[in-house]
Structure formats: structure tokens, C-alpha cells
């Protein structure tokens, strides 16, 4: 996947994260990051998207809610953190960019999804 597409998918995932946090936890991503800054002295004022994901995963922010959308989002952020975002979790093939644009949390290619 090219860097521009990866950037687009990551941005869409952060937007989905913000929306899900507001819906499920009544907190925005900005609120969560502010809380993390207060708790963790090593968090700079403007963490990169990759640092945001690492902080959320390391501090188990998304495990507090077990709702299916939150679990799916956490799985997507885990793949982001591991560097496998955009790759099928079953066969390892690249998920077509149009499919990721429609659903940035997609974890399987079409062939594996229908297998």
C-alpha cells in the first residue's frame, strides 16, 4: 500500500476512534489524550498518530468497553501498531485500497471474507 493511501486509512481510523469514543464513552479522542498527558509525563503536547495508537494500546484505553465496535476498532489499531494495517489477517494479501476507503477497519480481503 502506498504511503498516501496508508495515511488516508490511518486518518479514517482516528476519525472512527474519535466517533466511537464519543458514542461509547462520552469522551472525545482529545479528552482521552489530555487525560493521558496528565497521567504520563512522557507524552508530548502533540503526539503523532502512531504515538496516539501506542498510548491507547499500552494504557488499555479501549479495553474498558467490550462493545463489538470498540473491539473491532481495537483490532484495527493493533494491526496499525504492528504494521499490518491494510493486509488480510488470514492470508496476508493486501486489501484493495477502495475496500479500505469504504471500511478502514476491514481486516480481510474479499476472497478470505467469503471463504
N, C-alpha and C. Protein backbone atom coordinates (compact mmCIF):
# COMPACT_ATOMS: atom_id res chain seq x y z
N UNK A 1 0.87 -1.17 0.00
CA UNK A 1 0.00 0.00 0.00
C UNK A 1 0.91 1.23 0.00
N UNK A 2 0.59 2.21 -0.85
CA UNK A 2 1.43 3.40 -0.89
C UNK A 2 1.19 4.27 0.35
N UNK A 3 2.13 5.18 0.60
CA UNK A 3 2.10 6.00 1.81
C UNK A 3 0.87 6.90 1.88
N UNK A 4 0.45 7.44 0.75
CA UNK A 4 -0.73 8.31 0.75
C UNK A 4 -1.99 7.54 1.16
N UNK A 5 -2.13 6.32 0.62
CA UNK A 5 -3.29 5.51 0.98
C UNK A 5 -3.23 5.12 2.46
N UNK A 6 -2.05 4.75 2.94
CA UNK A 6 -1.89 4.41 4.34
C UNK A 6 -2.25 5.59 5.23
N UNK A 7 -1.81 6.78 4.85
CA UNK A 7 -2.16 7.99 5.59
C UNK A 7 -3.67 8.19 5.63
N UNK A 8 -4.33 7.99 4.49
CA UNK A 8 -5.78 8.16 4.40
C UNK A 8 -6.50 7.16 5.31
N UNK A 9 -6.05 5.91 5.31
CA UNK A 9 -6.68 4.88 6.13
C UNK A 9 -6.45 5.19 7.61
N UNK A 10 -5.24 5.59 7.98
CA UNK A 10 -4.95 5.93 9.38
C UNK A 10 -5.81 7.11 9.84
N UNK A 11 -5.94 8.12 8.99
CA UNK A 11 -6.77 9.27 9.34
C UNK A 11 -8.22 8.85 9.54
N UNK A 12 -8.72 7.97 8.68
CA UNK A 12 -10.10 7.48 8.81
C UNK A 12 -10.26 6.68 10.09
N UNK A 13 -9.24 5.89 10.45
CA UNK A 13 -9.31 5.12 11.70
C UNK A 13 -9.33 6.04 12.91
N UNK A 14 -8.53 7.10 12.90
CA UNK A 14 -8.54 8.04 14.02
C UNK A 14 -9.90 8.75 14.12
N UNK A 15 -10.48 9.05 12.98
CA UNK A 15 -11.82 9.66 13.00
C UNK A 15 -12.83 8.66 13.59
N UNK A 16 -12.75 7.40 13.16
CA UNK A 16 -13.64 6.37 13.69
C UNK A 16 -13.42 6.19 15.19
N UNK A 17 -12.17 6.25 15.62
CA UNK A 17 -11.85 6.15 17.05
C UNK A 17 -12.50 7.29 17.82
N UNK A 18 -12.36 8.50 17.32
CA UNK A 18 -12.96 9.66 17.98
C UNK A 18 -14.48 9.51 18.07
N UNK A 19 -15.11 9.12 16.97
CA UNK A 19 -16.57 8.94 16.94
C UNK A 19 -17.01 7.85 17.91
N UNK A 20 -16.29 6.74 17.93
CA UNK A 20 -16.64 5.62 18.80
C UNK A 20 -16.46 6.00 20.27
N UNK A 21 -15.39 6.70 20.59
CA UNK A 21 -15.17 7.14 21.97
C UNK A 21 -16.28 8.10 22.42
N UNK A 22 -16.67 9.00 21.54
CA UNK A 22 -17.74 9.93 21.90
C UNK A 22 -19.05 9.20 22.11
N UNK A 23 -19.33 8.24 21.26
CA UNK A 23 -20.58 7.50 21.34
C UNK A 23 -20.60 6.56 22.56
N UNK A 24 -19.52 5.84 22.78
CA UNK A 24 -19.49 4.82 23.82
C UNK A 24 -19.06 5.33 25.19
N UNK A 25 -18.14 6.27 25.21
CA UNK A 25 -17.55 6.72 26.48
C UNK A 25 -17.87 8.17 26.81
N UNK A 26 -18.53 8.85 25.90
CA UNK A 26 -18.85 10.26 26.08
C UNK A 26 -17.60 11.10 26.31
N UNK A 27 -16.51 10.72 25.63
CA UNK A 27 -15.26 11.46 25.66
C UNK A 27 -14.71 11.50 24.25
N UNK A 28 -14.14 12.63 23.89
CA UNK A 28 -13.50 12.71 22.57
C UNK A 28 -12.09 12.15 22.67
N UNK A 29 -11.50 11.89 21.53
CA UNK A 29 -10.11 11.45 21.50
C UNK A 29 -9.22 12.51 22.14
N UNK A 30 -9.53 13.76 21.91
CA UNK A 30 -8.77 14.86 22.52
C UNK A 30 -8.85 14.78 24.05
N UNK A 31 -10.04 14.49 24.60
CA UNK A 31 -10.19 14.36 26.05
C UNK A 31 -9.34 13.21 26.59
N UNK A 32 -9.37 12.08 25.88
CA UNK A 32 -8.59 10.92 26.31
C UNK A 32 -7.10 11.24 26.29
N UNK A 33 -6.65 11.92 25.24
CA UNK A 33 -5.24 12.29 25.16
C UNK A 33 -4.85 13.27 26.25
N UNK A 34 -5.74 14.18 26.59
CA UNK A 34 -5.46 15.11 27.69
C UNK A 34 -5.31 14.35 28.99
N UNK A 35 -6.21 13.39 29.23
CA UNK A 35 -6.10 12.56 30.44
C UNK A 35 -4.78 11.79 30.46
N UNK A 36 -4.38 11.26 29.31
CA UNK A 36 -3.12 10.52 29.24
C UNK A 36 -1.92 11.44 29.49
N UNK A 37 -1.99 12.66 28.99
CA UNK A 37 -0.90 13.61 29.24
C UNK A 37 -0.74 13.88 30.73
N UNK A 38 -1.86 13.97 31.42
CA UNK A 38 -1.83 14.22 32.86
C UNK A 38 -1.22 13.02 33.59
N UNK A 39 -1.59 11.81 33.17
CA UNK A 39 -1.10 10.59 33.83
C UNK A 39 0.31 10.20 33.42
N UNK A 40 0.72 10.53 32.22
CA UNK A 40 2.02 10.09 31.69
C UNK A 40 2.87 11.31 31.36
N UNK A 41 3.89 11.53 32.12
CA UNK A 41 4.74 12.70 31.92
C UNK A 41 5.49 12.65 30.60
N UNK A 42 5.64 11.47 30.02
CA UNK A 42 6.42 11.34 28.79
C UNK A 42 5.62 11.60 27.52
N UNK A 43 4.38 12.01 27.63
CA UNK A 43 3.56 12.30 26.46
C UNK A 43 3.74 13.77 26.11
N UNK A 44 4.23 14.03 24.91
CA UNK A 44 4.43 15.39 24.46
C UNK A 44 3.11 16.08 24.17
N UNK A 45 3.15 17.36 23.88
CA UNK A 45 1.91 18.11 23.66
C UNK A 45 1.17 17.69 22.39
N UNK A 46 1.89 17.25 21.37
CA UNK A 46 1.26 16.85 20.11
C UNK A 46 1.82 15.51 19.65
N UNK A 47 1.30 14.42 20.19
CA UNK A 47 1.81 13.11 19.78
C UNK A 47 1.44 12.83 18.32
N UNK A 48 2.28 12.07 17.65
CA UNK A 48 1.99 11.66 16.28
C UNK A 48 0.86 10.63 16.31
N UNK A 49 0.21 10.40 15.18
CA UNK A 49 -0.84 9.36 15.17
C UNK A 49 -0.33 8.00 15.65
N UNK A 50 0.90 7.64 15.26
CA UNK A 50 1.45 6.37 15.72
C UNK A 50 1.63 6.36 17.24
N UNK A 51 2.06 7.49 17.82
CA UNK A 51 2.20 7.58 19.27
C UNK A 51 0.84 7.51 19.96
N UNK A 52 -0.18 8.11 19.36
CA UNK A 52 -1.54 8.05 19.91
C UNK A 52 -1.98 6.59 20.02
N UNK A 53 -1.80 5.85 18.94
CA UNK A 53 -2.21 4.44 18.92
C UNK A 53 -1.43 3.66 19.98
N UNK A 54 -0.11 3.88 20.04
CA UNK A 54 0.69 3.17 21.04
C UNK A 54 0.23 3.48 22.45
N UNK A 55 -0.05 4.74 22.74
CA UNK A 55 -0.51 5.13 24.08
C UNK A 55 -1.85 4.48 24.43
N UNK A 56 -2.76 4.49 23.47
CA UNK A 56 -4.08 3.91 23.72
C UNK A 56 -3.97 2.41 23.99
N UNK A 57 -3.14 1.74 23.22
CA UNK A 57 -2.98 0.30 23.40
C UNK A 57 -2.23 -0.01 24.70
N UNK A 58 -1.16 0.73 24.96
CA UNK A 58 -0.35 0.47 26.16
C UNK A 58 -1.15 0.73 27.44
N UNK A 59 -2.04 1.71 27.41
CA UNK A 59 -2.82 2.06 28.60
C UNK A 59 -4.19 1.38 28.64
N UNK A 60 -4.42 0.45 27.73
CA UNK A 60 -5.67 -0.32 27.69
C UNK A 60 -6.92 0.56 27.69
N UNK A 61 -6.84 1.68 27.01
CA UNK A 61 -7.98 2.60 26.95
C UNK A 61 -9.19 1.95 26.30
N UNK A 62 -8.98 1.17 25.26
CA UNK A 62 -10.10 0.62 24.51
C UNK A 62 -10.62 -0.69 25.07
N UNK A 63 -9.98 -1.25 26.07
CA UNK A 63 -10.48 -2.50 26.66
C UNK A 63 -11.51 -2.23 27.73
N UNK A 64 -11.71 -0.97 28.05
CA UNK A 64 -12.68 -0.63 29.09
C UNK A 64 -14.11 -0.87 28.63
N UNK A 65 -14.31 -0.85 27.34
CA UNK A 65 -15.64 -1.11 26.76
C UNK A 65 -15.55 -2.36 25.91
N UNK A 66 -16.44 -3.30 26.11
CA UNK A 66 -16.37 -4.56 25.38
C UNK A 66 -17.31 -4.59 24.17
N UNK A 67 -17.91 -3.47 23.85
CA UNK A 67 -18.84 -3.44 22.72
C UNK A 67 -18.13 -3.87 21.43
N UNK A 68 -18.88 -4.51 20.56
CA UNK A 68 -18.31 -5.01 19.31
C UNK A 68 -17.60 -3.92 18.49
N UNK A 69 -18.18 -2.72 18.32
CA UNK A 69 -17.46 -1.70 17.55
C UNK A 69 -16.12 -1.35 18.19
N UNK A 70 -16.06 -1.32 19.51
CA UNK A 70 -14.81 -0.99 20.19
C UNK A 70 -13.78 -2.10 19.98
N UNK A 71 -14.22 -3.35 20.03
CA UNK A 71 -13.31 -4.48 19.82
C UNK A 71 -12.77 -4.46 18.39
N UNK A 72 -13.61 -4.17 17.44
CA UNK A 72 -13.19 -4.10 16.04
C UNK A 72 -12.20 -2.96 15.83
N UNK A 73 -12.47 -1.85 16.48
CA UNK A 73 -11.58 -0.70 16.38
C UNK A 73 -10.23 -1.02 17.03
N UNK A 74 -10.26 -1.64 18.20
CA UNK A 74 -9.01 -2.00 18.86
C UNK A 74 -8.19 -2.96 17.99
N UNK A 75 -8.85 -3.91 17.36
CA UNK A 75 -8.16 -4.84 16.47
C UNK A 75 -7.49 -4.09 15.32
N UNK A 76 -8.18 -3.10 14.77
CA UNK A 76 -7.61 -2.30 13.68
C UNK A 76 -6.40 -1.51 14.16
N UNK A 77 -6.50 -0.94 15.36
CA UNK A 77 -5.38 -0.17 15.89
C UNK A 77 -4.20 -1.09 16.23
N UNK A 78 -4.49 -2.31 16.67
CA UNK A 78 -3.42 -3.29 16.90
C UNK A 78 -2.69 -3.59 15.60
N UNK A 79 -3.44 -3.78 14.50
CA UNK A 79 -2.82 -4.04 13.20
C UNK A 79 -1.98 -2.84 12.76
N UNK A 80 -2.49 -1.64 13.01
CA UNK A 80 -1.75 -0.41 12.70
C UNK A 80 -0.42 -0.44 13.44
N UNK A 81 -0.48 -0.70 14.74
CA UNK A 81 0.71 -0.69 15.59
C UNK A 81 1.72 -1.75 15.16
N UNK A 82 1.25 -2.90 14.72
CA UNK A 82 2.13 -3.99 14.28
C UNK A 82 2.64 -3.78 12.85
N UNK A 83 2.06 -2.81 12.14
CA UNK A 83 2.49 -2.55 10.77
C UNK A 83 1.78 -3.41 9.74
N UNK A 84 0.68 -4.03 10.13
CA UNK A 84 -0.03 -4.90 9.18
C UNK A 84 -1.39 -4.32 8.76
N UNK A 85 -1.59 -3.04 9.00
CA UNK A 85 -2.82 -2.38 8.58
C UNK A 85 -2.92 -2.45 7.06
N UNK A 86 -4.06 -2.87 6.55
CA UNK A 86 -4.26 -2.97 5.11
C UNK A 86 -3.89 -4.33 4.54
N UNK A 87 -3.46 -5.25 5.40
CA UNK A 87 -3.15 -6.61 4.97
C UNK A 87 -4.18 -7.56 5.55
N UNK A 88 -4.58 -8.54 4.78
CA UNK A 88 -5.56 -9.52 5.22
C UNK A 88 -4.98 -10.31 6.40
N UNK A 89 -5.75 -10.38 7.48
CA UNK A 89 -5.25 -11.09 8.67
C UNK A 89 -5.25 -12.61 8.47
N UNK A 90 -5.90 -13.08 7.42
CA UNK A 90 -5.97 -14.52 7.17
C UNK A 90 -4.88 -14.99 6.19
N UNK A 91 -4.78 -14.31 5.04
CA UNK A 91 -3.83 -14.77 4.01
C UNK A 91 -2.63 -13.85 3.82
N UNK A 92 -2.70 -12.63 4.37
CA UNK A 92 -1.59 -11.69 4.25
C UNK A 92 -1.58 -10.84 2.99
N UNK A 93 -2.56 -11.04 2.12
CA UNK A 93 -2.64 -10.25 0.88
C UNK A 93 -3.05 -8.81 1.21
N UNK A 94 -2.66 -7.91 0.32
CA UNK A 94 -3.05 -6.52 0.51
C UNK A 94 -4.55 -6.37 0.23
N UNK A 95 -5.23 -5.66 1.10
CA UNK A 95 -6.65 -5.38 0.91
C UNK A 95 -6.73 -4.21 -0.07
N UNK A 96 -7.54 -4.32 -1.12
CA UNK A 96 -7.60 -3.25 -2.13
C UNK A 96 -7.95 -1.90 -1.51
N UNK A 97 -7.23 -0.84 -1.91
CA UNK A 97 -7.48 0.49 -1.37
C UNK A 97 -8.95 0.93 -1.39
N UNK A 98 -9.72 0.67 -2.48
CA UNK A 98 -11.13 1.08 -2.44
C UNK A 98 -11.91 0.42 -1.29
N UNK A 99 -11.57 -0.84 -0.98
CA UNK A 99 -12.23 -1.53 0.13
C UNK A 99 -11.87 -0.87 1.46
N UNK A 100 -10.60 -0.46 1.60
CA UNK A 100 -10.18 0.21 2.83
C UNK A 100 -10.77 1.61 2.95
N UNK A 101 -10.97 2.26 1.81
CA UNK A 101 -11.60 3.58 1.85
C UNK A 101 -13.03 3.48 2.35
N UNK A 102 -13.73 2.42 1.93
CA UNK A 102 -15.10 2.21 2.39
C UNK A 102 -15.15 1.80 3.85
N UNK A 103 -14.17 0.99 4.27
CA UNK A 103 -14.15 0.49 5.64
C UNK A 103 -12.71 0.38 6.12
N UNK A 104 -12.19 1.43 6.78
CA UNK A 104 -10.79 1.40 7.21
C UNK A 104 -10.49 0.34 8.28
N UNK A 105 -11.52 -0.25 8.86
CA UNK A 105 -11.30 -1.29 9.86
C UNK A 105 -11.34 -2.69 9.25
N UNK A 106 -11.46 -2.76 7.95
CA UNK A 106 -11.53 -4.06 7.27
C UNK A 106 -10.26 -4.87 7.57
N UNK A 107 -10.45 -6.13 7.90
CA UNK A 107 -9.32 -6.97 8.29
C UNK A 107 -9.07 -8.14 7.36
N UNK A 108 -9.95 -8.36 6.40
CA UNK A 108 -9.78 -9.46 5.47
C UNK A 108 -10.05 -9.01 4.04
N UNK A 109 -9.33 -9.67 3.11
CA UNK A 109 -9.56 -9.40 1.70
C UNK A 109 -10.91 -10.03 1.32
N UNK A 110 -11.39 -9.70 0.15
CA UNK A 110 -12.69 -10.23 -0.27
C UNK A 110 -12.69 -11.76 -0.34
N UNK A 111 -11.63 -12.35 -0.86
CA UNK A 111 -11.58 -13.82 -1.01
C UNK A 111 -11.69 -14.50 0.36
N UNK A 112 -10.95 -14.00 1.35
CA UNK A 112 -10.98 -14.62 2.68
C UNK A 112 -12.29 -14.32 3.41
N UNK A 113 -12.85 -13.17 3.14
CA UNK A 113 -14.10 -12.80 3.78
C UNK A 113 -15.24 -13.74 3.36
N UNK A 114 -15.18 -14.20 2.12
CA UNK A 114 -16.25 -15.05 1.60
C UNK A 114 -15.90 -16.53 1.65
N UNK A 115 -14.73 -16.86 2.17
CA UNK A 115 -14.32 -18.27 2.25
C UNK A 115 -14.97 -18.98 3.43
